[in-house]
Amino acid sequence: MECVFGLVGNGFAIVAADTSAVHSILVHKSNEDKIMVLDSHKLIAASGEPGDRVQFTEYIQKNVALYQFRNGIPLTTAAAANFTRGELATALRKNPYSVNILLAGYDKETGPSLYYIDYIATLHKVDKGAFGYGSYFSLAMMDRHYHSGMSVEEAIDLVDKCIMEIRSRLVVAPPNFVIKIVDKDGAREYAWRESIKDAGFVSA
């Protein structure tokens, strides 16, 4: 019952993901971080088969770092998204990865952006996006409450509403979520939402 979702606000992009590692009816761990920091100003959140998710996101992270090492400049968010899409498209015809990705970043020239990349290498620049069973509810909440130019406080409030909706509507809802943000100050972890501790969502 994975769920990854994100949105773009006024000068930042924010991504949230559940932290459950499950197989069939078993929960292996509930603190799996599914949002990787690609570089100083990029985040990549992924859902899908655990092995594919970890292997592919690490592969993208290392190649983004390699490009910056070789050329002395980092990839833009758009370039990183297109590179990721190209690698998925190449693998699709050989040994496909079962992985869906939200790539968020911040560039000085263009500001924050969010890219939707699915397992069959579809790429779209979006203001809000989601993957997994929780996407049915998080997308509905974002359609209702999202607006361009949201402040960080408004975005976090909307993320909390999405998490509450997922927990109340899914039969098997993930208990914990991690929230990360990227803006002009860089990519970083913002908060965790742990079901045992955050009744009513204590502010981060």
C-alpha atoms as a PDB file:
ATOM      1  CA  MET A   1       0.000   0.000   0.000  1.00  0.00           C
ATOM      2  CA  GLU A   2       2.691   2.448  -1.018  1.00  0.00           C
ATOM      3  CA  CYS A   3       2.127   6.154  -1.371  1.00  0.00           C
ATOM      4  CA  VAL A   4       4.389   8.901  -2.685  1.00  0.00           C
ATOM      5  CA  PHE A   5       3.101  12.393  -3.405  1.00  0.00           C
ATOM      6  CA  GLY A   6       4.432  15.909  -3.872  1.00  0.00           C
ATOM      7  CA  LEU A   7       3.607  19.459  -4.870  1.00  0.00           C
ATOM      8  CA  VAL A   8       5.198  22.762  -5.879  1.00  0.00           C
ATOM      9  CA  GLY A   9       4.694  25.868  -3.775  1.00  0.00           C
ATOM     10  CA  ASN A  10       5.960  29.438  -3.752  1.00  0.00           C
ATOM     11  CA  GLY A  11       9.726  28.995  -4.034  1.00  0.00           C
ATOM     12  CA  PHE A  12       9.888  25.351  -2.941  1.00  0.00           C
ATOM     13  CA  ALA A  13       8.826  21.811  -3.781  1.00  0.00           C
ATOM     14  CA  ILE A  14       7.781  19.291  -1.156  1.00  0.00           C
ATOM     15  CA  VAL A  15       7.609  15.487  -1.357  1.00  0.00           C
ATOM     16  CA  ALA A  16       6.162  12.957   1.095  1.00  0.00           C
ATOM     17  CA  ALA A  17       6.377   9.165   1.113  1.00  0.00           C
ATOM     18  CA  ASP A  18       5.336   6.309   3.343  1.00  0.00           C
ATOM     19  CA  THR A  19       8.166   4.499   5.128  1.00  0.00           C
ATOM     20  CA  SER A  20       6.876   0.921   5.075  1.00  0.00           C
ATOM     21  CA  ALA A  21       8.852  -1.921   3.501  1.00  0.00           C
ATOM     22  CA  VAL A  22       6.378  -4.725   2.911  1.00  0.00           C
ATOM     23  CA  HIS A  23       6.216  -8.040   1.093  1.00  0.00           C
ATOM     24  CA  SER A  24       2.896  -9.806   0.683  1.00  0.00           C
ATOM     25  CA  ILE A  25       1.293  -9.786   4.161  1.00  0.00           C
ATOM     26  CA  LEU A  26       4.566  -9.045   6.003  1.00  0.00           C
ATOM     27  CA  VAL A  27       5.914  -5.681   7.141  1.00  0.00           C
ATOM     28  CA  HIS A  28       9.701  -5.862   7.176  1.00  0.00           C
ATOM     29  CA  LYS A  29      10.330  -2.345   8.491  1.00  0.00           C
ATOM     30  CA  SER A  30       8.477   0.906   9.030  1.00  0.00           C
ATOM     31  CA  ASN A  31      11.339   3.404   8.708  1.00  0.00           C
ATOM     32  CA  GLU A  32      12.371   2.915   5.075  1.00  0.00           C
ATOM     33  CA  ASP A  33      13.285   6.285   3.547  1.00  0.00           C
ATOM     34  CA  LYS A  34      11.937   6.295  -0.027  1.00  0.00           C
ATOM     35  CA  ILE A  35      13.035   9.870  -0.773  1.00  0.00           C
ATOM     36  CA  MET A  36      16.684  10.134  -1.808  1.00  0.00           C
ATOM     37  CA  VAL A  37      18.690  13.365  -1.941  1.00  0.00           C
ATOM     38  CA  LEU A  38      20.145  13.397  -5.482  1.00  0.00           C
ATOM     39  CA  ASP A  39      22.362  16.422  -4.910  1.00  0.00           C
ATOM     40  CA  SER A  40      22.267  19.699  -3.010  1.00  0.00           C
ATOM     41  CA  HIS A  41      19.034  20.881  -4.688  1.00  0.00           C
ATOM     42  CA  LYS A  42      17.258  17.743  -5.913  1.00  0.00           C
ATOM     43  CA  LEU A  43      15.084  15.020  -4.381  1.00  0.00           C
ATOM     44  CA  ILE A  44      13.954  11.771  -5.962  1.00  0.00           C
ATOM     45  CA  ALA A  45      11.011   9.930  -4.406  1.00  0.00           C
ATOM     46  CA  ALA A  46      10.226   6.454  -5.691  1.00  0.00           C
ATOM     47  CA  SER A  47       7.684   3.695  -5.284  1.00  0.00           C
ATOM     48  CA  GLY A  48       7.662   0.206  -6.728  1.00  0.00           C
ATOM     49  CA  GLU A  49       9.449  -3.100  -6.247  1.00  0.00           C
ATOM     50  CA  PRO A  50      11.950  -2.565  -3.392  1.00  0.00           C
ATOM     51  CA  GLY A  51      14.956  -3.956  -5.258  1.00  0.00           C
ATOM     52  CA  ASP A  52      14.242  -1.947  -8.398  1.00  0.00           C
ATOM     53  CA  ARG A  53      13.515   1.183  -6.382  1.00  0.00           C
ATOM     54  CA  VAL A  54      16.765   1.104  -4.417  1.00  0.00           C
ATOM     55  CA  GLN A  55      18.989  -0.009  -7.305  1.00  0.00           C
ATOM     56  CA  PHE A  56      17.590   2.478  -9.828  1.00  0.00           C
ATOM     57  CA  THR A  57      17.529   5.527  -7.555  1.00  0.00           C
ATOM     58  CA  GLU A  58      21.109   4.846  -6.442  1.00  0.00           C
ATOM     59  CA  TYR A  59      22.125   4.452 -10.099  1.00  0.00           C
ATOM     60  CA  ILE A  60      20.590   7.845 -10.940  1.00  0.00           C
ATOM     61  CA  GLN A  61      22.167   9.472  -7.872  1.00  0.00           C
ATOM     62  CA  LYS A  62      25.654   8.226  -8.766  1.00  0.00           C
ATOM     63  CA  ASN A  63      25.338   9.290 -12.399  1.00  0.00           C
ATOM     64  CA  VAL A  64      24.135  12.779 -11.456  1.00  0.00           C
ATOM     65  CA  ALA A  65      27.167  13.062  -9.145  1.00  0.00           C
ATOM     66  CA  LEU A  66      29.444  11.740 -11.911  1.00  0.00           C
ATOM     67  CA  TYR A  67      28.187  14.369 -14.368  1.00  0.00           C
ATOM     68  CA  GLN A  68      28.895  17.153 -11.867  1.00  0.00           C
ATOM     69  CA  PHE A  69      32.348  15.690 -11.106  1.00  0.00           C
ATOM     70  CA  ARG A  70      33.278  15.489 -14.800  1.00  0.00           C
ATOM     71  CA  ASN A  71      31.854  18.828 -15.914  1.00  0.00           C
ATOM     72  CA  GLY A  72      32.118  21.018 -12.830  1.00  0.00           C
ATOM     73  CA  ILE A  73      28.463  22.046 -12.994  1.00  0.00           C
ATOM     74  CA  PRO A  74      25.363  20.226 -11.716  1.00  0.00           C
ATOM     75  CA  LEU A  75      22.538  19.021 -13.943  1.00  0.00           C
ATOM     76  CA  THR A  76      19.420  21.175 -13.894  1.00  0.00           C
ATOM     77  CA  THR A  77      16.283  19.552 -12.536  1.00  0.00           C
ATOM     78  CA  ALA A  78      14.862  19.266 -16.064  1.00  0.00           C
ATOM     79  CA  ALA A  79      18.072  17.636 -17.309  1.00  0.00           C
ATOM     80  CA  ALA A  80      18.119  15.173 -14.398  1.00  0.00           C
ATOM     81  CA  ALA A  81      14.472  14.298 -15.094  1.00  0.00           C
ATOM     82  CA  ASN A  82      15.175  13.726 -18.785  1.00  0.00           C
ATOM     83  CA  PHE A  83      18.226  11.601 -17.965  1.00  0.00           C
ATOM     84  CA  THR A  84      16.126   9.508 -15.572  1.00  0.00           C
ATOM     85  CA  ARG A  85      13.415   9.135 -18.191  1.00  0.00           C
ATOM     86  CA  GLY A  86      16.013   8.089 -20.792  1.00  0.00           C
ATOM     87  CA  GLU A  87      17.456   5.397 -18.539  1.00  0.00           C
ATOM     88  CA  LEU A  88      13.970   4.016 -17.814  1.00  0.00           C
ATOM     89  CA  ALA A  89      13.142   4.021 -21.527  1.00  0.00           C
ATOM     90  CA  THR A  90      16.367   2.149 -22.346  1.00  0.00           C
ATOM     91  CA  ALA A  91      15.729  -0.412 -19.606  1.00  0.00           C
ATOM     92  CA  LEU A  92      12.118  -0.812 -20.742  1.00  0.00           C
ATOM     93  CA  ARG A  93      13.297  -2.643 -23.854  1.00  0.00           C
ATOM     94  CA  LYS A  94      15.833  -4.813 -22.021  1.00  0.00           C
ATOM     95  CA  ASN A  95      15.154  -5.461 -18.352  1.00  0.00           C
ATOM     96  CA  PRO A  96      12.511  -2.982 -17.145  1.00  0.00           C
ATOM     97  CA  TYR A  97      12.473  -1.424 -13.687  1.00  0.00           C
ATOM     98  CA  SER A  98       9.180  -1.511 -11.806  1.00  0.00           C
ATOM     99  CA  VAL A  99       9.623   1.940 -10.333  1.00  0.00           C
ATOM    100  CA  ASN A 100       7.611   5.188 -10.364  1.00  0.00           C
ATOM    101  CA  ILE A 101       9.347   8.468  -9.593  1.00  0.00           C
ATOM    102  CA  LEU A 102       8.629  12.011  -8.465  1.00  0.00           C
ATOM    103  CA  LEU A 103      11.711  14.187  -8.989  1.00  0.00           C
ATOM    104  CA  ALA A 104      11.705  17.560  -7.253  1.00  0.00           C
ATOM    105  CA  GLY A 105      14.348  20.244  -7.541  1.00  0.00           C
ATOM    106  CA  TYR A 106      15.204  23.915  -7.341  1.00  0.00           C
ATOM    107  CA  ASP A 107      17.163  25.899  -9.943  1.00  0.00           C
ATOM    108  CA  LYS A 108      18.262  29.517  -9.597  1.00  0.00           C
ATOM    109  CA  GLU A 109      16.970  30.422 -13.064  1.00  0.00           C
ATOM    110  CA  THR A 110      13.627  28.614 -13.066  1.00  0.00           C
ATOM    111  CA  GLY A 111      12.807  28.080  -9.385  1.00  0.00           C
ATOM    112  CA  PRO A 112      11.168  24.926  -8.018  1.00  0.00           C
ATOM    113  CA  SER A 113       9.841  22.137 -10.230  1.00  0.00           C
ATOM    114  CA  LEU A 114       8.358  18.666  -9.932  1.00  0.00           C
ATOM    115  CA  TYR A 115       8.557  15.899 -12.527  1.00  0.00           C
ATOM    116  CA  TYR A 116       6.356  12.809 -12.799  1.00  0.00           C
ATOM    117  CA  ILE A 117       8.116   9.756 -14.288  1.00  0.00           C
ATOM    118  CA  ASP A 118       6.361   6.386 -14.338  1.00  0.00           C
ATOM    119  CA  TYR A 119       7.654   2.863 -14.946  1.00  0.00           C
ATOM    120  CA  ILE A 120       7.040   3.016 -18.702  1.00  0.00           C
ATOM    121  CA  ALA A 121       9.151   6.192 -18.992  1.00  0.00           C
ATOM    122  CA  THR A 122       6.380   8.777 -19.208  1.00  0.00           C
ATOM    123  CA  LEU A 123       7.709  12.197 -18.226  1.00  0.00           C
ATOM    124  CA  HIS A 124       5.606  15.212 -17.283  1.00  0.00           C
ATOM    125  CA  LYS A 125       6.336  18.425 -15.448  1.00  0.00           C
ATOM    126  CA  VAL A 126       3.534  18.824 -12.903  1.00  0.00           C
ATOM    127  CA  ASP A 127       2.450  21.080 -10.038  1.00  0.00           C
ATOM    128  CA  LYS A 128       1.285  18.101  -7.996  1.00  0.00           C
ATOM    129  CA  GLY A 129       1.570  14.350  -8.408  1.00  0.00           C
ATOM    130  CA  ALA A 130       1.259  11.023  -6.629  1.00  0.00           C
ATOM    131  CA  PHE A 131       1.876   7.286  -7.004  1.00  0.00           C
ATOM    132  CA  GLY A 132       0.573   4.226  -5.205  1.00  0.00           C
ATOM    133  CA  TYR A 133      -2.781   3.289  -3.704  1.00  0.00           C
ATOM    134  CA  GLY A 134      -2.691   6.421  -1.581  1.00  0.00           C
ATOM    135  CA  SER A 135      -2.667   8.518  -4.762  1.00  0.00           C
ATOM    136  CA  TYR A 136      -6.438   8.034  -5.115  1.00  0.00           C
ATOM    137  CA  PHE A 137      -6.956  10.056  -1.955  1.00  0.00           C
ATOM    138  CA  SER A 138      -3.950  12.395  -1.998  1.00  0.00           C
ATOM    139  CA  LEU A 139      -4.704  13.530  -5.571  1.00  0.00           C
ATOM    140  CA  ALA A 140      -8.330  14.146  -4.608  1.00  0.00           C
ATOM    141  CA  MET A 141      -7.249  16.241  -1.613  1.00  0.00           C
ATOM    142  CA  MET A 142      -4.737  18.184  -3.703  1.00  0.00           C
ATOM    143  CA  ASP A 143      -7.314  18.810  -6.447  1.00  0.00           C
ATOM    144  CA  ARG A 144      -9.579  20.318  -3.814  1.00  0.00           C
ATOM    145  CA  HIS A 145      -7.087  22.321  -1.732  1.00  0.00           C
ATOM    146  CA  TYR A 146      -4.028  22.976  -3.908  1.00  0.00           C
ATOM    147  CA  HIS A 147      -3.422  26.395  -5.414  1.00  0.00           C
ATOM    148  CA  SER A 148      -0.365  27.927  -7.035  1.00  0.00           C
ATOM    149  CA  GLY A 149       1.856  30.013  -4.803  1.00  0.00           C
ATOM    150  CA  MET A 150       1.203  28.068  -1.606  1.00  0.00           C
ATOM    151  CA  SER A 151       3.312  28.964   1.412  1.00  0.00           C
ATOM    152  CA  VAL A 152       5.321  26.302   3.254  1.00  0.00           C
ATOM    153  CA  GLU A 153       2.770  26.291   6.075  1.00  0.00           C
ATOM    154  CA  GLU A 154      -0.132  25.816   3.646  1.00  0.00           C
ATOM    155  CA  ALA A 155       1.725  23.028   1.820  1.00  0.00           C
ATOM    156  CA  ILE A 156       2.541  21.182   5.047  1.00  0.00           C
ATOM    157  CA  ASP A 157      -1.087  21.512   6.139  1.00  0.00           C
ATOM    158  CA  LEU A 158      -2.177  19.996   2.808  1.00  0.00           C
ATOM    159  CA  VAL A 159       0.370  17.179   3.144  1.00  0.00           C
ATOM    160  CA  ASP A 160      -1.013  16.434   6.617  1.00  0.00           C
ATOM    161  CA  LYS A 161      -4.555  16.377   5.228  1.00  0.00           C
ATOM    162  CA  CYS A 162      -3.454  13.897   2.557  1.00  0.00           C
ATOM    163  CA  ILE A 163      -1.790  11.669   5.171  1.00  0.00           C
ATOM    164  CA  MET A 164      -4.873  11.755   7.401  1.00  0.00           C
ATOM    165  CA  GLU A 165      -7.085  10.855   4.442  1.00  0.00           C
ATOM    166  CA  ILE A 166      -4.834   7.961   3.431  1.00  0.00           C
ATOM    167  CA  ARG A 167      -4.780   6.614   6.979  1.00  0.00           C
ATOM    168  CA  SER A 168      -8.549   6.835   7.356  1.00  0.00           C
ATOM    169  CA  ARG A 169      -9.494   5.429   3.928  1.00  0.00           C
ATOM    170  CA  LEU A 170      -7.016   2.683   3.039  1.00  0.00           C
ATOM    171  CA  VAL A 171      -7.723  -0.784   4.421  1.00  0.00           C
ATOM    172  CA  VAL A 172      -4.031  -1.309   5.112  1.00  0.00           C
ATOM    173  CA  ALA A 173      -2.648   2.181   5.592  1.00  0.00           C
ATOM    174  CA  PRO A 174       1.063   2.875   6.119  1.00  0.00           C
ATOM    175  CA  PRO A 175       1.600   4.222   9.639  1.00  0.00           C
ATOM    176  CA  ASN A 176       4.616   6.470   9.077  1.00  0.00           C
ATOM    177  CA  PHE A 177       5.537   9.113   6.490  1.00  0.00           C
ATOM    178  CA  VAL A 178       8.645  11.173   5.795  1.00  0.00           C
ATOM    179  CA  ILE A 179       8.423  14.702   4.369  1.00  0.00           C
ATOM    180  CA  LYS A 180      11.289  16.402   2.531  1.00  0.00           C
ATOM    181  CA  ILE A 181      11.557  19.863   1.010  1.00  0.00           C
ATOM    182  CA  VAL A 182      13.798  21.555  -1.556  1.00  0.00           C
ATOM    183  CA  ASP A 183      14.168  25.311  -2.013  1.00  0.00           C
ATOM    184  CA  LYS A 184      16.898  27.914  -2.540  1.00  0.00           C
ATOM    185  CA  ASP A 185      18.564  26.706   0.669  1.00  0.00           C
ATOM    186  CA  GLY A 186      18.855  23.128  -0.593  1.00  0.00           C
ATOM    187  CA  ALA A 187      17.217  19.723  -0.236  1.00  0.00           C
ATOM    188  CA  ARG A 188      16.585  18.472   3.283  1.00  0.00           C
ATOM    189  CA  GLU A 189      14.340  16.424   5.506  1.00  0.00           C
ATOM    190  CA  TYR A 190      11.483  18.463   6.910  1.00  0.00           C
ATOM    191  CA  ALA A 191       9.614  16.124   9.255  1.00  0.00           C
ATOM    192  CA  TRP A 192       8.348  12.621  10.001  1.00  0.00           C
ATOM    193  CA  ARG A 193       4.739  11.762  10.638  1.00  0.00           C
ATOM    194  CA  GLU A 194       4.623   8.784  12.997  1.00  0.00           C
ATOM    195  CA  SER A 195       1.139   7.523  13.764  1.00  0.00           C
ATOM    196  CA  ILE A 196       1.916   6.663  17.376  1.00  0.00           C
ATOM    197  CA  LYS A 197       3.284  10.101  18.192  1.00  0.00           C
ATOM    198  CA  ASP A 198       1.447  12.568  15.993  1.00  0.00           C
ATOM    199  CA  ALA A 199      -2.222  12.407  16.920  1.00  0.00           C
ATOM    200  CA  GLY A 200      -3.439  15.723  15.620  1.00  0.00           C
ATOM    201  CA  PHE A 201      -0.070  16.312  13.870  1.00  0.00           C
ATOM    202  CA  VAL A 202       2.214  18.271  16.153  1.00  0.00           C
ATOM    203  CA  SER A 203       3.919  20.892  13.996  1.00  0.00           C
ATOM    204  CA  ALA A 204       7.418  20.037  12.782  1.00  0.00           C
END
